[in-house]
Amino acid sequence: MTSKLSKEQENMLDAATFRRFLNHLDNNKDVQNIDLMILANFCRNCLGKWYKAEADKLNIQVTDEEAKERIYGMPYNDWKINHQVPATEEQMKAFNAKK
């Protein structure tokens, strides 16, 4: 970085940016996880796993479900029922082509 941010300022900005990113995902529920995987090689589930892994590193007790709920803004099963649609044939072809 060119500016001299303190570690506290950097952490505050990182946290604020992460919250903004989660809000953006929440406001764009039509973007399916498979779309994210095809375009960016990660999805909301990946974020949940990363969140859980960082909690584990810091000895903070967070379950897999709690991590997913933080990312999805609701229990994962509720999100799947209300917002996840079956992948199209085209999405599956694009996803499988990346493997």
PDB file of N, CA and C in Angstrom:
ATOM      1  N   MET A   1       0.838  -1.188   0.000  1.00  0.00           N
ATOM      2  CA  MET A   1       0.000   0.000   0.000  1.00  0.00           C
ATOM      3  C   MET A   1       0.876   1.241   0.000  1.00  0.00           C
ATOM      4  N   THR A   2       0.409   2.260  -0.663  1.00  0.00           N
ATOM      5  CA  THR A   2       1.193   3.489  -0.712  1.00  0.00           C
ATOM      6  C   THR A   2       1.007   4.331   0.545  1.00  0.00           C
ATOM      7  N   SER A   3      -0.180   4.322   1.137  1.00  0.00           N
ATOM      8  CA  SER A   3      -0.396   5.097   2.347  1.00  0.00           C
ATOM      9  C   SER A   3       0.014   4.266   3.556  1.00  0.00           C
ATOM     10  N   LYS A   4       0.275   4.944   4.627  1.00  0.00           N
ATOM     11  CA  LYS A   4       0.704   4.280   5.855  1.00  0.00           C
ATOM     12  C   LYS A   4      -0.497   4.092   6.776  1.00  0.00           C
ATOM     13  N   LEU A   5      -1.232   3.029   6.557  1.00  0.00           N
ATOM     14  CA  LEU A   5      -2.358   2.712   7.415  1.00  0.00           C
ATOM     15  C   LEU A   5      -1.851   1.927   8.616  1.00  0.00           C
ATOM     16  N   SER A   6      -2.458   2.190   9.744  1.00  0.00           N
ATOM     17  CA  SER A   6      -2.148   1.363  10.897  1.00  0.00           C
ATOM     18  C   SER A   6      -2.808   0.004  10.692  1.00  0.00           C
ATOM     19  N   LYS A   7      -2.367  -0.980  11.435  1.00  0.00           N
ATOM     20  CA  LYS A   7      -2.978  -2.305  11.343  1.00  0.00           C
ATOM     21  C   LYS A   7      -4.458  -2.218  11.714  1.00  0.00           C
ATOM     22  N   GLU A   8      -4.786  -1.394  12.694  1.00  0.00           N
ATOM     23  CA  GLU A   8      -6.181  -1.214  13.097  1.00  0.00           C
ATOM     24  C   GLU A   8      -7.002  -0.611  11.957  1.00  0.00           C
ATOM     25  N   GLN A   9      -6.464   0.404  11.273  1.00  0.00           N
ATOM     26  CA  GLN A   9      -7.179   1.009  10.147  1.00  0.00           C
ATOM     27  C   GLN A   9      -7.350  -0.002   9.015  1.00  0.00           C
ATOM     28  N   GLU A  10      -6.293  -0.764   8.745  1.00  0.00           N
ATOM     29  CA  GLU A  10      -6.365  -1.786   7.697  1.00  0.00           C
ATOM     30  C   GLU A  10      -7.438  -2.816   8.043  1.00  0.00           C
ATOM     31  N   ASN A  11      -7.479  -3.280   9.282  1.00  0.00           N
ATOM     32  CA  ASN A  11      -8.493  -4.247   9.710  1.00  0.00           C
ATOM     33  C   ASN A  11      -9.894  -3.657   9.607  1.00  0.00           C
ATOM     34  N   MET A  12     -10.049  -2.392   9.984  1.00  0.00           N
ATOM     35  CA  MET A  12     -11.359  -1.738   9.895  1.00  0.00           C
ATOM     36  C   MET A  12     -11.817  -1.659   8.443  1.00  0.00           C
ATOM     37  N   LEU A  13     -10.909  -1.294   7.552  1.00  0.00           N
ATOM     38  CA  LEU A  13     -11.253  -1.199   6.129  1.00  0.00           C
ATOM     39  C   LEU A  13     -11.546  -2.579   5.540  1.00  0.00           C
ATOM     40  N   ASP A  14     -10.732  -3.568   5.903  1.00  0.00           N
ATOM     41  CA  ASP A  14     -10.975  -4.930   5.428  1.00  0.00           C
ATOM     42  C   ASP A  14     -12.356  -5.404   5.879  1.00  0.00           C
ATOM     43  N   ALA A  15     -12.679  -5.179   7.150  1.00  0.00           N
ATOM     44  CA  ALA A  15     -13.971  -5.618   7.686  1.00  0.00           C
ATOM     45  C   ALA A  15     -15.123  -4.889   7.007  1.00  0.00           C
ATOM     46  N   ALA A  16     -14.976  -3.581   6.816  1.00  0.00           N
ATOM     47  CA  ALA A  16     -16.041  -2.803   6.172  1.00  0.00           C
ATOM     48  C   ALA A  16     -16.234  -3.258   4.725  1.00  0.00           C
ATOM     49  N   THR A  17     -15.140  -3.542   4.047  1.00  0.00           N
ATOM     50  CA  THR A  17     -15.214  -4.008   2.663  1.00  0.00           C
ATOM     51  C   THR A  17     -15.875  -5.375   2.597  1.00  0.00           C
ATOM     52  N   PHE A  18     -15.551  -6.255   3.528  1.00  0.00           N
ATOM     53  CA  PHE A  18     -16.168  -7.574   3.574  1.00  0.00           C
ATOM     54  C   PHE A  18     -17.667  -7.459   3.829  1.00  0.00           C
ATOM     55  N   ARG A  19     -18.059  -6.588   4.776  1.00  0.00           N
ATOM     56  CA  ARG A  19     -19.495  -6.399   5.031  1.00  0.00           C
ATOM     57  C   ARG A  19     -20.193  -5.855   3.789  1.00  0.00           C
ATOM     58  N   ARG A  20     -19.537  -4.953   3.079  1.00  0.00           N
ATOM     59  CA  ARG A  20     -20.127  -4.402   1.849  1.00  0.00           C
ATOM     60  C   ARG A  20     -20.258  -5.489   0.788  1.00  0.00           C
ATOM     61  N   PHE A  21     -19.257  -6.363   0.697  1.00  0.00           N
ATOM     62  CA  PHE A  21     -19.301  -7.476  -0.249  1.00  0.00           C
ATOM     63  C   PHE A  21     -20.461  -8.415   0.089  1.00  0.00           C
ATOM     64  N   LEU A  22     -20.622  -8.755   1.373  1.00  0.00           N
ATOM     65  CA  LEU A  22     -21.741  -9.608   1.777  1.00  0.00           C
ATOM     66  C   LEU A  22     -23.078  -8.942   1.467  1.00  0.00           C
ATOM     67  N   ASN A  23     -23.166  -7.656   1.694  1.00  0.00           N
ATOM     68  CA  ASN A  23     -24.392  -6.917   1.376  1.00  0.00           C
ATOM     69  C   ASN A  23     -24.665  -6.961  -0.130  1.00  0.00           C
ATOM     70  N   HIS A  24     -23.621  -6.814  -0.929  1.00  0.00           N
ATOM     71  CA  HIS A  24     -23.768  -6.878  -2.388  1.00  0.00           C
ATOM     72  C   HIS A  24     -24.291  -8.258  -2.807  1.00  0.00           C
ATOM     73  N   LEU A  25     -23.721  -9.320  -2.239  1.00  0.00           N
ATOM     74  CA  LEU A  25     -24.216 -10.665  -2.547  1.00  0.00           C
ATOM     75  C   LEU A  25     -25.667 -10.815  -2.107  1.00  0.00           C
ATOM     76  N   ASP A  26     -25.991 -10.269  -0.936  1.00  0.00           N
ATOM     77  CA  ASP A  26     -27.353 -10.370  -0.425  1.00  0.00           C
ATOM     78  C   ASP A  26     -28.341  -9.639  -1.326  1.00  0.00           C
ATOM     79  N   ASN A  27     -27.913  -8.531  -1.891  1.00  0.00           N
ATOM     80  CA  ASN A  27     -28.786  -7.753  -2.779  1.00  0.00           C
ATOM     81  C   ASN A  27     -28.838  -8.316  -4.196  1.00  0.00           C
ATOM     82  N   ASN A  28     -28.062  -9.355  -4.451  1.00  0.00           N
ATOM     83  CA  ASN A  28     -28.027  -9.974  -5.776  1.00  0.00           C
ATOM     84  C   ASN A  28     -28.196 -11.485  -5.650  1.00  0.00           C
ATOM     85  N   LYS A  29     -29.264 -11.875  -4.988  1.00  0.00           N
ATOM     86  CA  LYS A  29     -29.532 -13.301  -4.766  1.00  0.00           C
ATOM     87  C   LYS A  29     -29.767 -14.049  -6.071  1.00  0.00           C
ATOM     88  N   ASP A  30     -30.088 -13.327  -7.143  1.00  0.00           N
ATOM     89  CA  ASP A  30     -30.284 -13.979  -8.425  1.00  0.00           C
ATOM     90  C   ASP A  30     -28.982 -14.537  -8.985  1.00  0.00           C
ATOM     91  N   VAL A  31     -27.866 -14.049  -8.489  1.00  0.00           N
ATOM     92  CA  VAL A  31     -26.581 -14.601  -8.906  1.00  0.00           C
ATOM     93  C   VAL A  31     -26.400 -15.910  -8.151  1.00  0.00           C
ATOM     94  N   GLN A  32     -26.437 -16.996  -8.876  1.00  0.00           N
ATOM     95  CA  GLN A  32     -26.359 -18.317  -8.289  1.00  0.00           C
ATOM     96  C   GLN A  32     -24.907 -18.692  -7.981  1.00  0.00           C
ATOM     97  N   ASN A  33     -24.743 -19.584  -7.025  1.00  0.00           N
ATOM     98  CA  ASN A  33     -23.398 -20.039  -6.669  1.00  0.00           C
ATOM     99  C   ASN A  33     -22.666 -20.626  -7.863  1.00  0.00           C
ATOM    100  N   ILE A  34     -23.371 -21.348  -8.708  1.00  0.00           N
ATOM    101  CA  ILE A  34     -22.705 -21.940  -9.869  1.00  0.00           C
ATOM    102  C   ILE A  34     -22.176 -20.851 -10.798  1.00  0.00           C
ATOM    103  N   ASP A  35     -22.900 -19.729 -10.898  1.00  0.00           N
ATOM    104  CA  ASP A  35     -22.418 -18.613 -11.713  1.00  0.00           C
ATOM    105  C   ASP A  35     -21.108 -18.068 -11.145  1.00  0.00           C
ATOM    106  N   LEU A  36     -21.069 -17.922  -9.818  1.00  0.00           N
ATOM    107  CA  LEU A  36     -19.842 -17.447  -9.172  1.00  0.00           C
ATOM    108  C   LEU A  36     -18.698 -18.433  -9.397  1.00  0.00           C
ATOM    109  N   MET A  37     -18.994 -19.730  -9.301  1.00  0.00           N
ATOM    110  CA  MET A  37     -17.951 -20.737  -9.508  1.00  0.00           C
ATOM    111  C   MET A  37     -17.417 -20.691 -10.938  1.00  0.00           C
ATOM    112  N   ILE A  38     -18.311 -20.527 -11.888  1.00  0.00           N
ATOM    113  CA  ILE A  38     -17.894 -20.480 -13.289  1.00  0.00           C
ATOM    114  C   ILE A  38     -17.021 -19.253 -13.543  1.00  0.00           C
ATOM    115  N   LEU A  39     -17.445 -18.112 -13.034  1.00  0.00           N
ATOM    116  CA  LEU A  39     -16.742 -16.860 -13.329  1.00  0.00           C
ATOM    117  C   LEU A  39     -15.539 -16.592 -12.446  1.00  0.00           C
ATOM    118  N   ALA A  40     -15.624 -16.967 -11.172  1.00  0.00           N
ATOM    119  CA  ALA A  40     -14.584 -16.534 -10.239  1.00  0.00           C
ATOM    120  C   ALA A  40     -13.949 -17.680  -9.447  1.00  0.00           C
ATOM    121  N   ASN A  41     -14.394 -18.905  -9.676  1.00  0.00           N
ATOM    122  CA  ASN A  41     -13.845 -20.072  -9.008  1.00  0.00           C
ATOM    123  C   ASN A  41     -14.021 -20.038  -7.487  1.00  0.00           C
ATOM    124  N   PHE A  42     -15.063 -19.367  -7.029  1.00  0.00           N
ATOM    125  CA  PHE A  42     -15.473 -19.408  -5.631  1.00  0.00           C
ATOM    126  C   PHE A  42     -16.950 -19.078  -5.580  1.00  0.00           C
ATOM    127  N   CYS A  43     -17.584 -19.421  -4.446  1.00  0.00           N
ATOM    128  CA  CYS A  43     -18.997 -19.116  -4.276  1.00  0.00           C
ATOM    129  C   CYS A  43     -19.271 -18.779  -2.820  1.00  0.00           C
ATOM    130  N   ARG A  44     -20.517 -18.579  -2.496  1.00  0.00           N
ATOM    131  CA  ARG A  44     -20.894 -18.270  -1.116  1.00  0.00           C
ATOM    132  C   ARG A  44     -20.469 -19.383  -0.163  1.00  0.00           C
ATOM    133  N   ASN A  45     -20.575 -20.631  -0.611  1.00  0.00           N
ATOM    134  CA  ASN A  45     -20.135 -21.743   0.240  1.00  0.00           C
ATOM    135  C   ASN A  45     -18.641 -21.669   0.518  1.00  0.00           C
ATOM    136  N   CYS A  46     -17.860 -21.295  -0.472  1.00  0.00           N
ATOM    137  CA  CYS A  46     -16.421 -21.116  -0.268  1.00  0.00           C
ATOM    138  C   CYS A  46     -16.169 -20.041   0.790  1.00  0.00           C
ATOM    139  N   LEU A  47     -16.888 -18.939   0.689  1.00  0.00           N
ATOM    140  CA  LEU A  47     -16.730 -17.880   1.685  1.00  0.00           C
ATOM    141  C   LEU A  47     -17.045 -18.386   3.082  1.00  0.00           C
ATOM    142  N   GLY A  48     -18.094 -19.194   3.201  1.00  0.00           N
ATOM    143  CA  GLY A  48     -18.432 -19.779   4.493  1.00  0.00           C
ATOM    144  C   GLY A  48     -17.307 -20.661   5.022  1.00  0.00           C
ATOM    145  N   LYS A  49     -16.707 -21.446   4.146  1.00  0.00           N
ATOM    146  CA  LYS A  49     -15.585 -22.300   4.547  1.00  0.00           C
ATOM    147  C   LYS A  49     -14.372 -21.466   4.959  1.00  0.00           C
ATOM    148  N   TRP A  50     -14.113 -20.389   4.235  1.00  0.00           N
ATOM    149  CA  TRP A  50     -12.994 -19.515   4.581  1.00  0.00           C
ATOM    150  C   TRP A  50     -13.240 -18.834   5.923  1.00  0.00           C
ATOM    151  N   TYR A  51     -14.480 -18.410   6.146  1.00  0.00           N
ATOM    152  CA  TYR A  51     -14.878 -17.760   7.400  1.00  0.00           C
ATOM    153  C   TYR A  51     -14.637 -18.733   8.564  1.00  0.00           C
ATOM    154  N   LYS A  52     -15.078 -19.967   8.402  1.00  0.00           N
ATOM    155  CA  LYS A  52     -14.908 -20.994   9.431  1.00  0.00           C
ATOM    156  C   LYS A  52     -13.427 -21.272   9.659  1.00  0.00           C
ATOM    157  N   ALA A  53     -12.652 -21.367   8.612  1.00  0.00           N
ATOM    158  CA  ALA A  53     -11.220 -21.645   8.735  1.00  0.00           C
ATOM    159  C   ALA A  53     -10.508 -20.531   9.503  1.00  0.00           C
ATOM    160  N   GLU A  54     -10.864 -19.293   9.230  1.00  0.00           N
ATOM    161  CA  GLU A  54     -10.240 -18.171   9.944  1.00  0.00           C
ATOM    162  C   GLU A  54     -10.663 -18.164  11.410  1.00  0.00           C
ATOM    163  N   ALA A  55     -11.920 -18.506  11.675  1.00  0.00           N
ATOM    164  CA  ALA A  55     -12.377 -18.611  13.068  1.00  0.00           C
ATOM    165  C   ALA A  55     -11.569 -19.687  13.792  1.00  0.00           C
ATOM    166  N   ASP A  56     -11.370 -20.814  13.137  1.00  0.00           N
ATOM    167  CA  ASP A  56     -10.591 -21.902  13.739  1.00  0.00           C
ATOM    168  C   ASP A  56      -9.169 -21.449  14.057  1.00  0.00           C
ATOM    169  N   LYS A  57      -8.544 -20.719  13.135  1.00  0.00           N
ATOM    170  CA  LYS A  57      -7.181 -20.221  13.360  1.00  0.00           C
ATOM    171  C   LYS A  57      -7.106 -19.323  14.588  1.00  0.00           C
ATOM    172  N   LEU A  58      -8.177 -18.580  14.828  1.00  0.00           N
ATOM    173  CA  LEU A  58      -8.215 -17.645  15.949  1.00  0.00           C
ATOM    174  C   LEU A  58      -8.846 -18.250  17.206  1.00  0.00           C
ATOM    175  N   ASN A  59      -9.096 -19.555  17.151  1.00  0.00           N
ATOM    176  CA  ASN A  59      -9.740 -20.261  18.270  1.00  0.00           C
ATOM    177  C   ASN A  59     -11.073 -19.633  18.655  1.00  0.00           C
ATOM    178  N   ILE A  60     -11.825 -19.201  17.649  1.00  0.00           N
ATOM    179  CA  ILE A  60     -13.173 -18.671  17.845  1.00  0.00           C
ATOM    180  C   ILE A  60     -14.139 -19.772  17.451  1.00  0.00           C
ATOM    181  N   GLN A  61     -15.039 -20.106  18.348  1.00  0.00           N
ATOM    182  CA  GLN A  61     -15.968 -21.203  18.114  1.00  0.00           C
ATOM    183  C   GLN A  61     -17.085 -20.766  17.164  1.00  0.00           C
ATOM    184  N   VAL A  62     -17.027 -21.261  15.940  1.00  0.00           N
ATOM    185  CA  VAL A  62     -18.044 -21.011  14.925  1.00  0.00           C
ATOM    186  C   VAL A  62     -18.299 -22.340  14.233  1.00  0.00           C
ATOM    187  N   THR A  63     -19.554 -22.737  14.151  1.00  0.00           N
ATOM    188  CA  THR A  63     -19.880 -23.981  13.447  1.00  0.00           C
ATOM    189  C   THR A  63     -19.937 -23.711  11.947  1.00  0.00           C
ATOM    190  N   ASP A  64     -19.923 -24.771  11.170  1.00  0.00           N
ATOM    191  CA  ASP A  64     -20.067 -24.639   9.713  1.00  0.00           C
ATOM    192  C   ASP A  64     -21.372 -23.921   9.375  1.00  0.00           C
ATOM    193  N   GLU A  65     -22.446 -24.297  10.050  1.00  0.00           N
ATOM    194  CA  GLU A  65     -23.751 -23.683   9.779  1.00  0.00           C
ATOM    195  C   GLU A  65     -23.762 -22.201  10.160  1.00  0.00           C
ATOM    196  N   GLU A  66     -23.124 -21.851  11.270  1.00  0.00           N
ATOM    197  CA  GLU A  66     -23.050 -20.441  11.667  1.00  0.00           C
ATOM    198  C   GLU A  66     -22.245 -19.633  10.651  1.00  0.00           C
ATOM    199  N   ALA A  67     -21.180 -20.222  10.141  1.00  0.00           N
ATOM    200  CA  ALA A  67     -20.378 -19.544   9.122  1.00  0.00           C
ATOM    201  C   ALA A  67     -21.197 -19.308   7.859  1.00  0.00           C
ATOM    202  N   LYS A  68     -21.929 -20.327   7.424  1.00  0.00           N
ATOM    203  CA  LYS A  68     -22.782 -20.169   6.237  1.00  0.00           C
ATOM    204  C   LYS A  68     -23.857 -19.121   6.478  1.00  0.00           C
ATOM    205  N   GLU A  69     -24.432 -19.119   7.671  1.00  0.00           N
ATOM    206  CA  GLU A  69     -25.482 -18.140   7.972  1.00  0.00           C
ATOM    207  C   GLU A  69     -24.927 -16.724   7.920  1.00  0.00           C
ATOM    208  N   ARG A  70     -23.691 -16.537   8.356  1.00  0.00           N
ATOM    209  CA  ARG A  70     -23.068 -15.209   8.277  1.00  0.00           C
ATOM    210  C   ARG A  70     -22.941 -14.773   6.825  1.00  0.00           C
ATOM    211  N   ILE A  71     -22.576 -15.692   5.967  1.00  0.00           N
ATOM    212  CA  ILE A  71     -22.379 -15.369   4.549  1.00  0.00           C
ATOM    213  C   ILE A  71     -23.709 -15.175   3.836  1.00  0.00           C
ATOM    214  N   TYR A  72     -24.652 -16.067   4.075  1.00  0.00           N
ATOM    215  CA  TYR A  72     -25.936 -16.029   3.376  1.00  0.00           C
ATOM    216  C   TYR A  72     -26.927 -15.042   3.988  1.00  0.00           C
ATOM    217  N   GLY A  73     -26.688 -14.632   5.233  1.00  0.00           N
ATOM    218  CA  GLY A  73     -27.614 -13.722   5.896  1.00  0.00           C
ATOM    219  C   GLY A  73     -28.862 -14.418   6.415  1.00  0.00           C
ATOM    220  N   MET A  74     -28.850 -15.725   6.381  1.00  0.00           N
ATOM    221  CA  MET A  74     -29.969 -16.549   6.841  1.00  0.00           C
ATOM    222  C   MET A  74     -29.465 -17.980   6.888  1.00  0.00           C
ATOM    223  N   PRO A  75     -30.188 -18.878   7.529  1.00  0.00           N
ATOM    224  CA  PRO A  75     -29.758 -20.281   7.480  1.00  0.00           C
ATOM    225  C   PRO A  75     -29.641 -20.764   6.029  1.00  0.00           C
ATOM    226  N   TYR A  76     -28.607 -21.540   5.787  1.00  0.00           N
ATOM    227  CA  TYR A  76     -28.311 -22.007   4.434  1.00  0.00           C
ATOM    228  C   TYR A  76     -29.499 -22.721   3.802  1.00  0.00           C
ATOM    229  N   ASN A  77     -30.156 -23.576   4.548  1.00  0.00           N
ATOM    230  CA  ASN A  77     -31.307 -24.300   3.990  1.00  0.00           C
ATOM    231  C   ASN A  77     -32.423 -23.350   3.585  1.00  0.00           C
ATOM    232  N   ASP A  78     -32.644 -22.281   4.339  1.00  0.00           N
ATOM    233  CA  ASP A  78     -33.650 -21.280   3.959  1.00  0.00           C
ATOM    234  C   ASP A  78     -33.254 -20.606   2.657  1.00  0.00           C
ATOM    235  N   TRP A  79     -31.965 -20.281   2.514  1.00  0.00           N
ATOM    236  CA  TRP A  79     -31.492 -19.634   1.289  1.00  0.00           C
ATOM    237  C   TRP A  79     -31.710 -20.563   0.097  1.00  0.00           C
ATOM    238  N   LYS A  80     -31.353 -21.835   0.259  1.00  0.00           N
ATOM    239  CA  LYS A  80     -31.528 -22.794  -0.841  1.00  0.00           C
ATOM    240  C   LYS A  80     -32.992 -22.887  -1.254  1.00  0.00           C
ATOM    241  N   ILE A  81     -33.889 -22.975  -0.277  1.00  0.00           N
ATOM    242  CA  ILE A  81     -35.317 -23.097  -0.570  1.00  0.00           C
ATOM    243  C   ILE A  81     -35.845 -21.850  -1.276  1.00  0.00           C
ATOM    244  N   ASN A  82     -35.428 -20.682  -0.828  1.00  0.00           N
ATOM    245  CA  ASN A  82     -35.990 -19.424  -1.322  1.00  0.00           C
ATOM    246  C   ASN A  82     -35.264 -18.818  -2.515  1.00  0.00           C
ATOM    247  N   HIS A  83     -34.000 -19.186  -2.741  1.00  0.00           N
ATOM    248  CA  HIS A  83     -33.231 -18.457  -3.755  1.00  0.00           C
ATOM    249  C   HIS A  83     -32.450 -19.327  -4.737  1.00  0.00           C
ATOM    250  N   GLN A  84     -32.201 -20.571  -4.395  1.00  0.00           N
ATOM    251  CA  GLN A  84     -31.407 -21.410  -5.296  1.00  0.00           C
ATOM    252  C   GLN A  84     -32.309 -22.070  -6.318  1.00  0.00           C
ATOM    253  N   VAL A  85     -31.903 -21.977  -7.555  1.00  0.00           N
ATOM    254  CA  VAL A  85     -32.638 -22.644  -8.633  1.00  0.00           C
ATOM    255  C   VAL A  85     -31.740 -23.735  -9.215  1.00  0.00           C
ATOM    256  N   PRO A  86     -32.332 -24.752  -9.831  1.00  0.00           N
ATOM    257  CA  PRO A  86     -31.501 -25.800 -10.425  1.00  0.00           C
ATOM    258  C   PRO A  86     -30.588 -25.223 -11.504  1.00  0.00           C
ATOM    259  N   ALA A  87     -29.393 -25.757 -11.567  1.00  0.00           N
ATOM    260  CA  ALA A  87     -28.444 -25.330 -12.594  1.00  0.00           C
ATOM    261  C   ALA A  87     -28.959 -25.724 -13.968  1.00  0.00           C
ATOM    262  N   THR A  88     -28.747 -24.842 -14.914  1.00  0.00           N
ATOM    263  CA  THR A  88     -29.139 -25.141 -16.285  1.00  0.00           C
ATOM    264  C   THR A  88     -28.097 -26.061 -16.921  1.00  0.00           C
ATOM    265  N   GLU A  89     -28.452 -26.631 -18.029  1.00  0.00           N
ATOM    266  CA  GLU A  89     -27.508 -27.472 -18.764  1.00  0.00           C
ATOM    267  C   GLU A  89     -26.286 -26.659 -19.181  1.00  0.00           C
ATOM    268  N   GLU A  90     -26.510 -25.418 -19.594  1.00  0.00           N
ATOM    269  CA  GLU A  90     -25.401 -24.545 -20.003  1.00  0.00           C
ATOM    270  C   GLU A  90     -24.472 -24.251 -18.827  1.00  0.00           C
ATOM    271  N   GLN A  91     -25.053 -23.991 -17.652  1.00  0.00           N
ATOM    272  CA  GLN A  91     -24.231 -23.733 -16.469  1.00  0.00           C
ATOM    273  C   GLN A  91     -23.390 -24.959 -16.122  1.00  0.00           C
ATOM    274  N   MET A  92     -23.992 -26.120 -16.175  1.00  0.00           N
ATOM    275  CA  MET A  92     -23.258 -27.340 -15.848  1.00  0.00           C
ATOM    276  C   MET A  92     -22.133 -27.594 -16.846  1.00  0.00           C
ATOM    277  N   LYS A  93     -22.391 -27.338 -18.131  1.00  0.00           N
ATOM    278  CA  LYS A  93     -21.339 -27.506 -19.135  1.00  0.00           C
ATOM    279  C   LYS A  93     -20.182 -26.555 -18.860  1.00  0.00           C
ATOM    280  N   ALA A  94     -20.499 -25.296 -18.567  1.00  0.00           N
ATOM    281  CA  ALA A  94     -19.445 -24.310 -18.273  1.00  0.00           C
ATOM    282  C   ALA A  94     -18.691 -24.672 -17.002  1.00  0.00           C
ATOM    283  N   PHE A  95     -19.411 -25.126 -15.986  1.00  0.00           N
ATOM    284  CA  PHE A  95     -18.773 -25.534 -14.727  1.00  0.00           C
ATOM    285  C   PHE A  95     -17.847 -26.723 -14.943  1.00  0.00           C
ATOM    286  N   ASN A  96     -18.328 -27.734 -15.636  1.00  0.00           N
ATOM    287  CA  ASN A  96     -17.529 -28.931 -15.886  1.00  0.00           C
ATOM    288  C   ASN A  96     -16.335 -28.652 -16.793  1.00  0.00           C
ATOM    289  N   ALA A  97     -16.458 -27.680 -17.669  1.00  0.00           N
ATOM    290  CA  ALA A  97     -15.346 -27.324 -18.571  1.00  0.00           C
ATOM    291  C   ALA A  97     -14.182 -26.711 -17.789  1.00  0.00           C
ATOM    292  N   LYS A  98     -14.455 -26.138 -16.625  1.00  0.00           N
ATOM    293  CA  LYS A  98     -13.409 -25.516 -15.807  1.00  0.00           C
ATOM    294  C   LYS A  98     -12.596 -26.542 -15.031  1.00  0.00           C
ATOM    295  N   LYS A  99     -13.104 -27.762 -14.912  1.00  0.00           N
ATOM    296  CA  LYS A  99     -12.417 -28.784 -14.109  1.00  0.00           C
ATOM    297  C   LYS A  99     -11.176 -29.297 -14.802  1.00  0.00           C
TER     298      LYS A  99
END
